Amino acid sequence: MGLEAACKVSFDGKASEGKALLESAELLFRGDFRVKIPFQQISALETKNGRLTVTFPQGVAHFELGPAAEKWRDKIRHPKSLLDKLGVKTDSRVAVIDIDDGNFRAQLSERTSEGLENKLAKECDFIFFGVTGKSSLRRLDNLSKHLAKTGAIWVIYPKGQPHLNENDVRHAGKAAGLVDVKVVGFSSTHSGLKLVIPKTKR
């Protein structure tokens, strides 16, 4: 998850108080009206006196963010890569389980000198585990046995599904002796929840 702020937004002749959210690849606003601005569609970005002005094909939106405006501008201009958000380093030992995303796998292969495994090593720094339903979460207990002490399991799950949500993943992680520490937008369709071994048990 990126930044969020309560603010006033002016767009298309309307103004509303609400919540602005800065995701990994888009800027959102939810108030009396909604605005969704993918970064790739932004043609101009300016800040002045605490106001972030965003120009995109549908028009110009003004976000009254106060002192945070410049920070938001910089994050839009220079977004972190997915692997940076996930914490993957060049020497990370990585396993990918049940994630059929060729682009993600290609990024991992380029980043990690240790290579990409479809099977579990004895001690993984990261296990990326794709799930589509609650039944898949039962595997977390076994997967946790393959983690390095400071390693993490990233559970990748679909967004907006009534049968599986962040709380389901969190509870399953807790049952497997893990704690959740971070949530990210993995893609436009999936989120990722990071689970780690509690410090007291490392």
Foldseek 3Di string as FASTA:
>chain_A
DADKDFWWKDDPNDIFTFMWDDAQFWIWTDTPDIDIGGLVQWPDWDDDQQWIWTQGPRGIMITNHHPCNVVSRVCSVPPDDLCVVVPDAQQFFEEEEPDDDVVVQVVNQVGHPNGYHPDFDQAGQEYEYEDEALVSLLCLLVNQRRHDQNHKYKYKYFPPDPRDDPVSNQVSLVVSQWHWDDKHANDPTIIITIIHHDPVVD
